[in-house]
Amino acid sequence: MARVHPIQERAHATPPIKVSHLSVRFDGKHGSVDALADVSLTVKSGEFLALVGRSGSGKSTLLRAIGGLTRARQGGVSIGDARVDAPPAQIRFVAQDYSQSLLPWLTVRENVRFGERHAVEGSSGGVTAVEQIIDRVGLSHAIDRYPRELSGGMQQRVAIARAIASRPKIILLDEAFGSVDALSRAMLQDMMLDLWKEFGFTAVLVTHDIDEAIYMADRVIVLNPDGKGIGAEVDISLPRPRAQLETREHPRYLEYRRELLGSVLAKPAENKARAA
């Protein structure tokens, strides 16, 4: 396994996220289902981490546990020295369903201002003007429009701007670019990477798209298909800043793609043997 790619200097210190022997079980009409079993990992301060795996591997469950939205049956999550038992103030979510993320009776300006009013205490730097953040995501021309007047990609830009306006230390992205067309997706990926570099937050991305994970992340973790532990961990040593054409044509890009795809498709025992 490759060594961890060095994380660039960040604008402010973000506590590391530690997941320790996490198990999550859901109870239903037909019995209990183990969504995660004995998962352990650490997200470094300022890192951009991607989680991939088959459907049902527990990617979104793990993200929700990190964000304090899902309770552990065993083990747990901590941020710095604080155990996560409820949604931490320093975390913001950006979900796939942008239509449910925005307040439809508020304009773009008002939605982003809502995020600024709930800024994380102790964040470094002064308050960034709402208009500056909206300009930063390319929506100055739509600042007084309502969500219903925007395309899907534009609505997701508003959701991201609102998260950034609160100056979080950690942003959790749950298939955040999965509901838009391919061109909008590429533009959102680049915009998020620029914001990550500029504002210095830690980012954890759940995606089913291996190419997206390689393109954006410092490190990619593959969850086993049964939710029982980590199948593989790959450090992505591609130059930054990333570029849609140059990065995807880099010789190592295809090597990472082959390795990750093999791990996603492999059975847990095969990944265990490969790591040994």
C-alpha atoms as a PDB file:
ATOM      1  CA  MET A   1       0.000   0.000   0.000  1.00  0.00           C
ATOM      2  CA  ALA A   2       1.291   3.467  -0.887  1.00  0.00           C
ATOM      3  CA  ARG A   3       2.265   5.949   1.790  1.00  0.00           C
ATOM      4  CA  VAL A   4      -0.073   8.761   2.765  1.00  0.00           C
ATOM      5  CA  HIS A   5       0.096  11.729   0.427  1.00  0.00           C
ATOM      6  CA  PRO A   6       1.275  14.798   2.418  1.00  0.00           C
ATOM      7  CA  ILE A   7      -1.560  17.201   3.203  1.00  0.00           C
ATOM      8  CA  GLN A   8      -0.945  20.778   2.168  1.00  0.00           C
ATOM      9  CA  GLU A   9      -0.855  23.508   4.834  1.00  0.00           C
ATOM     10  CA  ARG A  10      -4.375  24.496   5.797  1.00  0.00           C
ATOM     11  CA  ALA A  11      -5.723  27.908   6.715  1.00  0.00           C
ATOM     12  CA  HIS A  12      -6.731  26.848  10.230  1.00  0.00           C
ATOM     13  CA  ALA A  13      -6.357  23.804  12.408  1.00  0.00           C
ATOM     14  CA  THR A  14      -9.153  21.278  12.112  1.00  0.00           C
ATOM     15  CA  PRO A  15      -9.344  18.462  14.670  1.00  0.00           C
ATOM     16  CA  PRO A  16      -8.807  15.001  13.172  1.00  0.00           C
ATOM     17  CA  ILE A  17     -11.790  12.675  12.884  1.00  0.00           C
ATOM     18  CA  LYS A  18     -11.327   9.242  14.431  1.00  0.00           C
ATOM     19  CA  VAL A  19     -13.679   6.326  13.820  1.00  0.00           C
ATOM     20  CA  SER A  20     -12.984   3.473  16.251  1.00  0.00           C
ATOM     21  CA  HIS A  21     -14.434  -0.032  15.797  1.00  0.00           C
ATOM     22  CA  LEU A  22     -17.747   1.482  14.685  1.00  0.00           C
ATOM     23  CA  SER A  23     -20.750  -0.816  14.331  1.00  0.00           C
ATOM     24  CA  VAL A  24     -24.244   0.349  13.350  1.00  0.00           C
ATOM     25  CA  ARG A  25     -27.371  -1.789  13.368  1.00  0.00           C
ATOM     26  CA  PHE A  26     -30.822  -0.886  12.062  1.00  0.00           C
ATOM     27  CA  ASP A  27     -33.944  -2.599  13.397  1.00  0.00           C
ATOM     28  CA  GLY A  28     -36.824  -3.262  11.007  1.00  0.00           C
ATOM     29  CA  LYS A  29     -39.997  -5.312  10.636  1.00  0.00           C
ATOM     30  CA  HIS A  30     -38.064  -8.356   9.478  1.00  0.00           C
ATOM     31  CA  GLY A  31     -35.264  -8.194  12.026  1.00  0.00           C
ATOM     32  CA  SER A  32     -32.020  -6.316  12.449  1.00  0.00           C
ATOM     33  CA  VAL A  33     -29.536  -5.383   9.747  1.00  0.00           C
ATOM     34  CA  ASP A  34     -25.860  -4.675  10.425  1.00  0.00           C
ATOM     35  CA  ALA A  35     -25.080  -1.655   8.251  1.00  0.00           C
ATOM     36  CA  LEU A  36     -21.506  -1.331   9.536  1.00  0.00           C
ATOM     37  CA  ALA A  37     -19.336  -3.685  11.565  1.00  0.00           C
ATOM     38  CA  ASP A  38     -15.990  -2.867  13.173  1.00  0.00           C
ATOM     39  CA  VAL A  39     -14.976   0.045  10.925  1.00  0.00           C
ATOM     40  CA  SER A  40     -11.944   2.063  12.014  1.00  0.00           C
ATOM     41  CA  LEU A  41     -10.268   4.971  10.244  1.00  0.00           C
ATOM     42  CA  THR A  42      -8.783   8.419  10.809  1.00  0.00           C
ATOM     43  CA  VAL A  43      -9.359  11.534   8.726  1.00  0.00           C
ATOM     44  CA  LYS A  44      -6.426  13.890   9.044  1.00  0.00           C
ATOM     45  CA  SER A  45      -6.786  17.607   9.616  1.00  0.00           C
ATOM     46  CA  GLY A  46      -7.416  19.361   6.296  1.00  0.00           C
ATOM     47  CA  GLU A  47      -7.574  16.113   4.335  1.00  0.00           C
ATOM     48  CA  PHE A  48      -9.917  15.443   1.427  1.00  0.00           C
ATOM     49  CA  LEU A  49     -11.030  11.840   1.943  1.00  0.00           C
ATOM     50  CA  ALA A  50     -13.318   9.854  -0.360  1.00  0.00           C
ATOM     51  CA  LEU A  51     -15.379   6.799   0.622  1.00  0.00           C
ATOM     52  CA  VAL A  52     -16.387   4.368  -2.127  1.00  0.00           C
ATOM     53  CA  GLY A  53     -17.935   0.916  -2.240  1.00  0.00           C
ATOM     54  CA  ARG A  54     -20.850  -1.037  -3.604  1.00  0.00           C
ATOM     55  CA  SER A  55     -24.441  -0.121  -2.842  1.00  0.00           C
ATOM     56  CA  GLY A  56     -25.210  -1.281   0.673  1.00  0.00           C
ATOM     57  CA  SER A  57     -21.599  -1.134   1.858  1.00  0.00           C
ATOM     58  CA  GLY A  58     -22.476   1.505   4.458  1.00  0.00           C
ATOM     59  CA  LYS A  59     -20.872   4.601   2.916  1.00  0.00           C
ATOM     60  CA  SER A  60     -23.704   6.992   3.750  1.00  0.00           C
ATOM     61  CA  THR A  61     -24.258   5.334   7.133  1.00  0.00           C
ATOM     62  CA  LEU A  62     -20.616   5.973   7.995  1.00  0.00           C
ATOM     63  CA  LEU A  63     -20.903   9.600   6.878  1.00  0.00           C
ATOM     64  CA  ARG A  64     -24.033  10.085   8.979  1.00  0.00           C
ATOM     65  CA  ALA A  65     -22.265   8.546  11.987  1.00  0.00           C
ATOM     66  CA  ILE A  66     -19.377  10.983  11.555  1.00  0.00           C
ATOM     67  CA  GLY A  67     -21.930  13.789  11.444  1.00  0.00           C
ATOM     68  CA  GLY A  68     -23.714  12.608  14.590  1.00  0.00           C
ATOM     69  CA  LEU A  69     -26.917  11.640  12.771  1.00  0.00           C
ATOM     70  CA  THR A  70     -26.643   7.881  13.306  1.00  0.00           C
ATOM     71  CA  ARG A  71     -26.002   6.203  16.649  1.00  0.00           C
ATOM     72  CA  ALA A  72     -23.358   3.529  17.056  1.00  0.00           C
ATOM     73  CA  ARG A  73     -24.189   0.105  18.410  1.00  0.00           C
ATOM     74  CA  GLN A  74     -20.547  -0.384  19.322  1.00  0.00           C
ATOM     75  CA  GLY A  75     -17.467   1.792  19.030  1.00  0.00           C
ATOM     76  CA  GLY A  76     -17.844   5.423  18.075  1.00  0.00           C
ATOM     77  CA  VAL A  77     -16.622   8.601  16.417  1.00  0.00           C
ATOM     78  CA  SER A  78     -14.583  11.429  17.911  1.00  0.00           C
ATOM     79  CA  ILE A  79     -13.475  14.812  16.584  1.00  0.00           C
ATOM     80  CA  GLY A  80     -10.346  15.843  18.398  1.00  0.00           C
ATOM     81  CA  ASP A  81     -10.973  14.877  22.013  1.00  0.00           C
ATOM     82  CA  ALA A  82     -14.777  15.121  21.798  1.00  0.00           C
ATOM     83  CA  ARG A  83     -16.939  12.067  21.231  1.00  0.00           C
ATOM     84  CA  VAL A  84     -19.659  12.560  18.616  1.00  0.00           C
ATOM     85  CA  ASP A  85     -23.087  11.753  20.089  1.00  0.00           C
ATOM     86  CA  ALA A  86     -25.032  14.509  18.292  1.00  0.00           C
ATOM     87  CA  PRO A  87     -24.407  16.713  15.238  1.00  0.00           C
ATOM     88  CA  PRO A  88     -21.252  18.759  16.019  1.00  0.00           C
ATOM     89  CA  ALA A  89     -21.414  22.514  15.491  1.00  0.00           C
ATOM     90  CA  GLN A  90     -18.305  22.524  13.288  1.00  0.00           C
ATOM     91  CA  ILE A  91     -19.781  20.153  10.665  1.00  0.00           C
ATOM     92  CA  ARG A  92     -21.944  20.942   7.640  1.00  0.00           C
ATOM     93  CA  PHE A  93     -23.579  18.484   5.225  1.00  0.00           C
ATOM     94  CA  VAL A  94     -24.023  18.860   1.482  1.00  0.00           C
ATOM     95  CA  ALA A  95     -26.467  16.188   0.319  1.00  0.00           C
ATOM     96  CA  GLN A  96     -27.383  14.849  -3.110  1.00  0.00           C
ATOM     97  CA  ASP A  97     -30.955  16.146  -2.984  1.00  0.00           C
ATOM     98  CA  TYR A  98     -30.392  19.885  -3.329  1.00  0.00           C
ATOM     99  CA  SER A  99     -34.157  20.477  -3.609  1.00  0.00           C
ATOM    100  CA  GLN A 100     -34.485  19.462   0.049  1.00  0.00           C
ATOM    101  CA  SER A 101     -31.441  21.466   1.171  1.00  0.00           C
ATOM    102  CA  LEU A 102     -32.654  24.973   0.373  1.00  0.00           C
ATOM    103  CA  LEU A 103     -35.442  27.065   1.874  1.00  0.00           C
ATOM    104  CA  PRO A 104     -37.738  27.615  -1.140  1.00  0.00           C
ATOM    105  CA  TRP A 105     -39.273  30.836   0.199  1.00  0.00           C
ATOM    106  CA  LEU A 106     -35.826  32.505   0.426  1.00  0.00           C
ATOM    107  CA  THR A 107     -33.757  33.929  -2.413  1.00  0.00           C
ATOM    108  CA  VAL A 108     -30.189  32.865  -3.152  1.00  0.00           C
ATOM    109  CA  ARG A 109     -28.913  35.787  -1.082  1.00  0.00           C
ATOM    110  CA  GLU A 110     -31.216  34.954   1.832  1.00  0.00           C
ATOM    111  CA  ASN A 111     -30.390  31.234   1.778  1.00  0.00           C
ATOM    112  CA  VAL A 112     -26.656  31.961   1.948  1.00  0.00           C
ATOM    113  CA  ARG A 113     -27.185  34.634   4.611  1.00  0.00           C
ATOM    114  CA  PHE A 114     -28.989  31.975   6.659  1.00  0.00           C
ATOM    115  CA  GLY A 115     -25.763  29.967   6.647  1.00  0.00           C
ATOM    116  CA  GLU A 116     -23.687  32.986   7.643  1.00  0.00           C
ATOM    117  CA  ARG A 117     -25.960  33.693  10.601  1.00  0.00           C
ATOM    118  CA  HIS A 118     -25.149  30.181  11.879  1.00  0.00           C
ATOM    119  CA  ALA A 119     -21.380  30.482  11.525  1.00  0.00           C
ATOM    120  CA  VAL A 120     -19.246  28.114  13.577  1.00  0.00           C
ATOM    121  CA  GLU A 121     -17.845  29.756  16.695  1.00  0.00           C
ATOM    122  CA  GLY A 122     -14.085  30.046  16.787  1.00  0.00           C
ATOM    123  CA  SER A 123     -13.628  29.847  13.009  1.00  0.00           C
ATOM    124  CA  SER A 124     -10.566  31.728  11.847  1.00  0.00           C
ATOM    125  CA  GLY A 125     -10.840  34.819   9.701  1.00  0.00           C
ATOM    126  CA  GLY A 126     -13.484  37.511   9.579  1.00  0.00           C
ATOM    127  CA  VAL A 127     -16.987  37.191   8.269  1.00  0.00           C
ATOM    128  CA  THR A 128     -16.931  36.772   4.510  1.00  0.00           C
ATOM    129  CA  ALA A 129     -19.641  38.854   2.886  1.00  0.00           C
ATOM    130  CA  VAL A 130     -22.594  36.902   1.549  1.00  0.00           C
ATOM    131  CA  GLU A 131     -22.215  38.589  -1.819  1.00  0.00           C
ATOM    132  CA  GLN A 132     -18.567  37.542  -2.027  1.00  0.00           C
ATOM    133  CA  ILE A 133     -19.393  33.892  -1.381  1.00  0.00           C
ATOM    134  CA  ILE A 134     -22.205  33.970  -3.930  1.00  0.00           C
ATOM    135  CA  ASP A 135     -19.802  35.484  -6.447  1.00  0.00           C
ATOM    136  CA  ARG A 136     -17.258  32.806  -5.508  1.00  0.00           C
ATOM    137  CA  VAL A 137     -19.700  30.068  -6.618  1.00  0.00           C
ATOM    138  CA  GLY A 138     -20.608  31.926  -9.794  1.00  0.00           C
ATOM    139  CA  LEU A 139     -24.143  33.014  -8.934  1.00  0.00           C
ATOM    140  CA  SER A 140     -23.925  36.795  -8.694  1.00  0.00           C
ATOM    141  CA  HIS A 141     -26.298  37.085 -11.643  1.00  0.00           C
ATOM    142  CA  ALA A 142     -28.908  35.005  -9.772  1.00  0.00           C
ATOM    143  CA  ILE A 143     -28.530  36.501  -6.302  1.00  0.00           C
ATOM    144  CA  ASP A 144     -32.178  37.541  -5.982  1.00  0.00           C
ATOM    145  CA  ARG A 145     -33.737  34.483  -7.608  1.00  0.00           C
ATOM    146  CA  TYR A 146     -35.619  31.762  -5.741  1.00  0.00           C
ATOM    147  CA  PRO A 147     -34.547  28.078  -5.842  1.00  0.00           C
ATOM    148  CA  ARG A 148     -37.435  27.177  -8.173  1.00  0.00           C
ATOM    149  CA  GLU A 149     -35.954  29.573 -10.740  1.00  0.00           C
ATOM    150  CA  LEU A 150     -32.584  27.805 -10.778  1.00  0.00           C
ATOM    151  CA  SER A 151     -31.248  24.710 -12.510  1.00  0.00           C
ATOM    152  CA  GLY A 152     -30.193  21.698 -10.458  1.00  0.00           C
ATOM    153  CA  GLY A 153     -26.515  22.595 -10.711  1.00  0.00           C
ATOM    154  CA  MET A 154     -27.220  26.157  -9.633  1.00  0.00           C
ATOM    155  CA  GLN A 155     -29.255  24.986  -6.643  1.00  0.00           C
ATOM    156  CA  GLN A 156     -26.386  22.774  -5.537  1.00  0.00           C
ATOM    157  CA  ARG A 157     -24.061  25.776  -5.814  1.00  0.00           C
ATOM    158  CA  VAL A 158     -26.366  27.655  -3.441  1.00  0.00           C
ATOM    159  CA  ALA A 159     -26.304  24.723  -1.002  1.00  0.00           C
ATOM    160  CA  ILE A 160     -22.508  24.687  -1.093  1.00  0.00           C
ATOM    161  CA  ALA A 161     -22.320  28.470  -0.676  1.00  0.00           C
ATOM    162  CA  ARG A 162     -24.615  28.303   2.344  1.00  0.00           C
ATOM    163  CA  ALA A 163     -22.404  25.619   3.923  1.00  0.00           C
ATOM    164  CA  ILE A 164     -19.263  27.676   3.253  1.00  0.00           C
ATOM    165  CA  ALA A 165     -20.881  30.842   4.661  1.00  0.00           C
ATOM    166  CA  SER A 166     -21.085  29.185   8.088  1.00  0.00           C
ATOM    167  CA  ARG A 167     -17.293  28.663   7.981  1.00  0.00           C
ATOM    168  CA  PRO A 168     -17.319  25.002   9.064  1.00  0.00           C
ATOM    169  CA  LYS A 169     -14.219  23.046   9.958  1.00  0.00           C
ATOM    170  CA  ILE A 170     -15.577  19.883   8.331  1.00  0.00           C
ATOM    171  CA  ILE A 171     -17.846  19.418   5.300  1.00  0.00           C
ATOM    172  CA  LEU A 172     -19.469  16.037   4.640  1.00  0.00           C
ATOM    173  CA  LEU A 173     -20.515  15.447   1.022  1.00  0.00           C
ATOM    174  CA  ASP A 174     -23.038  12.655   0.435  1.00  0.00           C
ATOM    175  CA  GLU A 175     -23.164  12.016  -3.331  1.00  0.00           C
ATOM    176  CA  ALA A 176     -23.250  15.805  -3.571  1.00  0.00           C
ATOM    177  CA  PHE A 177     -22.686  15.913  -7.329  1.00  0.00           C
ATOM    178  CA  GLY A 178     -24.707  12.842  -8.292  1.00  0.00           C
ATOM    179  CA  SER A 179     -27.948  14.523  -9.409  1.00  0.00           C
ATOM    180  CA  VAL A 180     -26.598  16.876 -12.060  1.00  0.00           C
ATOM    181  CA  ASP A 181     -25.460  16.444 -15.663  1.00  0.00           C
ATOM    182  CA  ALA A 182     -21.876  15.512 -16.495  1.00  0.00           C
ATOM    183  CA  LEU A 183     -20.700  19.037 -17.343  1.00  0.00           C
ATOM    184  CA  SER A 184     -22.258  20.546 -14.209  1.00  0.00           C
ATOM    185  CA  ARG A 185     -20.716  17.733 -12.175  1.00  0.00           C
ATOM    186  CA  ALA A 186     -17.217  18.511 -13.451  1.00  0.00           C
ATOM    187  CA  MET A 187     -17.699  22.210 -12.725  1.00  0.00           C
ATOM    188  CA  LEU A 188     -18.967  21.491  -9.207  1.00  0.00           C
ATOM    189  CA  GLN A 189     -16.004  19.208  -8.530  1.00  0.00           C
ATOM    190  CA  ASP A 190     -13.539  21.936  -9.503  1.00  0.00           C
ATOM    191  CA  MET A 191     -15.443  24.573  -7.541  1.00  0.00           C
ATOM    192  CA  MET A 192     -15.437  22.419  -4.402  1.00  0.00           C
ATOM    193  CA  LEU A 193     -11.701  21.758  -4.709  1.00  0.00           C
ATOM    194  CA  ASP A 194     -11.045  25.491  -5.046  1.00  0.00           C
ATOM    195  CA  LEU A 195     -13.163  26.227  -1.964  1.00  0.00           C
ATOM    196  CA  TRP A 196     -11.464  23.434  -0.006  1.00  0.00           C
ATOM    197  CA  LYS A 197      -8.066  24.926  -0.801  1.00  0.00           C
ATOM    198  CA  GLU A 198      -9.201  28.473  -0.021  1.00  0.00           C
ATOM    199  CA  PHE A 199     -11.113  27.903   3.225  1.00  0.00           C
ATOM    200  CA  GLY A 200      -9.081  25.041   4.671  1.00  0.00           C
ATOM    201  CA  PHE A 201     -11.835  22.715   5.883  1.00  0.00           C
ATOM    202  CA  THR A 202     -11.614  18.928   6.117  1.00  0.00           C
ATOM    203  CA  ALA A 203     -13.777  17.190   3.502  1.00  0.00           C
ATOM    204  CA  VAL A 204     -15.237  13.682   3.461  1.00  0.00           C
ATOM    205  CA  LEU A 205     -16.914  12.660   0.203  1.00  0.00           C
ATOM    206  CA  VAL A 206     -19.180   9.651  -0.302  1.00  0.00           C
ATOM    207  CA  THR A 207     -19.446   8.723  -3.966  1.00  0.00           C
ATOM    208  CA  HIS A 208     -20.210   5.704  -6.124  1.00  0.00           C
ATOM    209  CA  ASP A 209     -18.020   7.211  -8.856  1.00  0.00           C
ATOM    210  CA  ILE A 210     -14.450   5.946  -8.617  1.00  0.00           C
ATOM    211  CA  ASP A 211     -13.223   8.550 -11.100  1.00  0.00           C
ATOM    212  CA  GLU A 212     -14.675  11.339  -8.963  1.00  0.00           C
ATOM    213  CA  ALA A 213     -13.000   9.910  -5.872  1.00  0.00           C
ATOM    214  CA  ILE A 214      -9.586   9.754  -7.554  1.00  0.00           C
ATOM    215  CA  TYR A 215      -9.950  13.216  -9.059  1.00  0.00           C
ATOM    216  CA  MET A 216     -10.877  14.975  -5.826  1.00  0.00           C
ATOM    217  CA  ALA A 217      -9.310  13.106  -2.932  1.00  0.00           C
ATOM    218  CA  ASP A 218      -5.978  12.818  -1.143  1.00  0.00           C
ATOM    219  CA  ARG A 219      -6.970   9.316  -0.084  1.00  0.00           C
ATOM    220  CA  VAL A 220      -9.703   6.856  -1.064  1.00  0.00           C
ATOM    221  CA  ILE A 221     -11.128   4.220   1.275  1.00  0.00           C
ATOM    222  CA  VAL A 222     -13.090   1.252  -0.064  1.00  0.00           C
ATOM    223  CA  LEU A 223     -15.708  -0.226   2.257  1.00  0.00           C
ATOM    224  CA  ASN A 224     -16.333  -3.954   2.044  1.00  0.00           C
ATOM    225  CA  PRO A 225     -19.649  -4.865   0.384  1.00  0.00           C
ATOM    226  CA  ASP A 226     -21.019  -6.366   3.602  1.00  0.00           C
ATOM    227  CA  GLY A 227     -20.151  -3.263   5.643  1.00  0.00           C
ATOM    228  CA  LYS A 228     -17.607  -5.266   7.639  1.00  0.00           C
ATOM    229  CA  GLY A 229     -14.493  -3.164   7.759  1.00  0.00           C
ATOM    230  CA  ILE A 230     -12.328  -1.518   5.146  1.00  0.00           C
ATOM    231  CA  GLY A 231     -11.470  -3.392   1.987  1.00  0.00           C
ATOM    232  CA  ALA A 232      -8.705  -1.114   0.730  1.00  0.00           C
ATOM    233  CA  GLU A 233      -7.068   2.242   1.295  1.00  0.00           C
ATOM    234  CA  VAL A 234      -5.304   4.058  -1.548  1.00  0.00           C
ATOM    235  CA  ASP A 235      -3.289   7.262  -1.271  1.00  0.00           C
ATOM    236  CA  ILE A 236      -3.744   9.476  -4.332  1.00  0.00           C
ATOM    237  CA  SER A 237      -0.421  11.145  -5.137  1.00  0.00           C
ATOM    238  CA  LEU A 238      -1.585  13.200  -8.112  1.00  0.00           C
ATOM    239  CA  PRO A 239      -0.381  16.795  -8.460  1.00  0.00           C
ATOM    240  CA  ARG A 240      -2.563  19.641  -7.209  1.00  0.00           C
ATOM    241  CA  PRO A 241      -4.301  21.704  -8.351  1.00  0.00           C
ATOM    242  CA  ARG A 242      -6.234  19.046 -10.231  1.00  0.00           C
ATOM    243  CA  ALA A 243      -7.507  19.678 -13.781  1.00  0.00           C
ATOM    244  CA  GLN A 244     -10.236  17.706 -15.522  1.00  0.00           C
ATOM    245  CA  LEU A 245      -8.187  16.808 -18.597  1.00  0.00           C
ATOM    246  CA  GLU A 246      -4.594  16.773 -17.354  1.00  0.00           C
ATOM    247  CA  THR A 247      -5.303  14.872 -14.137  1.00  0.00           C
ATOM    248  CA  ARG A 248      -7.370  12.188 -15.849  1.00  0.00           C
ATOM    249  CA  GLU A 249      -4.599  11.702 -18.419  1.00  0.00           C
ATOM    250  CA  HIS A 250      -1.878  11.336 -15.785  1.00  0.00           C
ATOM    251  CA  PRO A 251      -0.150   7.918 -15.986  1.00  0.00           C
ATOM    252  CA  ARG A 252      -0.907   7.137 -12.335  1.00  0.00           C
ATOM    253  CA  TYR A 253      -4.599   7.941 -12.737  1.00  0.00           C
ATOM    254  CA  LEU A 254      -5.352   4.708 -14.595  1.00  0.00           C
ATOM    255  CA  GLU A 255      -3.287   2.754 -12.073  1.00  0.00           C
ATOM    256  CA  TYR A 256      -5.409   4.121  -9.216  1.00  0.00           C
ATOM    257  CA  ARG A 257      -8.572   3.428 -11.178  1.00  0.00           C
ATOM    258  CA  ARG A 258      -7.590  -0.182 -11.801  1.00  0.00           C
ATOM    259  CA  GLU A 259      -6.621  -0.740  -8.169  1.00  0.00           C
ATOM    260  CA  LEU A 260      -9.790   0.823  -6.749  1.00  0.00           C
ATOM    261  CA  LEU A 261     -12.147  -0.851  -9.190  1.00  0.00           C
ATOM    262  CA  GLY A 262     -10.550  -4.192  -8.387  1.00  0.00           C
ATOM    263  CA  SER A 263     -11.046  -3.566  -4.666  1.00  0.00           C
ATOM    264  CA  VAL A 264     -14.692  -2.508  -5.073  1.00  0.00           C
ATOM    265  CA  LEU A 265     -15.504  -5.611  -7.115  1.00  0.00           C
ATOM    266  CA  ALA A 266     -13.482  -8.002  -4.939  1.00  0.00           C
ATOM    267  CA  LYS A 267     -14.887 -10.144  -2.163  1.00  0.00           C
ATOM    268  CA  PRO A 268     -13.845  -9.128   1.382  1.00  0.00           C
ATOM    269  CA  ALA A 269     -11.551 -12.146   1.686  1.00  0.00           C
ATOM    270  CA  GLU A 270      -9.757 -11.153  -1.512  1.00  0.00           C
ATOM    271  CA  ASN A 271      -9.136  -7.630  -0.234  1.00  0.00           C
ATOM    272  CA  LYS A 272      -7.868  -9.034   3.055  1.00  0.00           C
ATOM    273  CA  ALA A 273      -5.448 -11.331   1.239  1.00  0.00           C
ATOM    274  CA  ARG A 274      -4.290  -8.471  -0.996  1.00  0.00           C
ATOM    275  CA  ALA A 275      -3.529  -6.255   1.997  1.00  0.00           C
ATOM    276  CA  ALA A 276      -1.620  -8.964   3.853  1.00  0.00           C
END
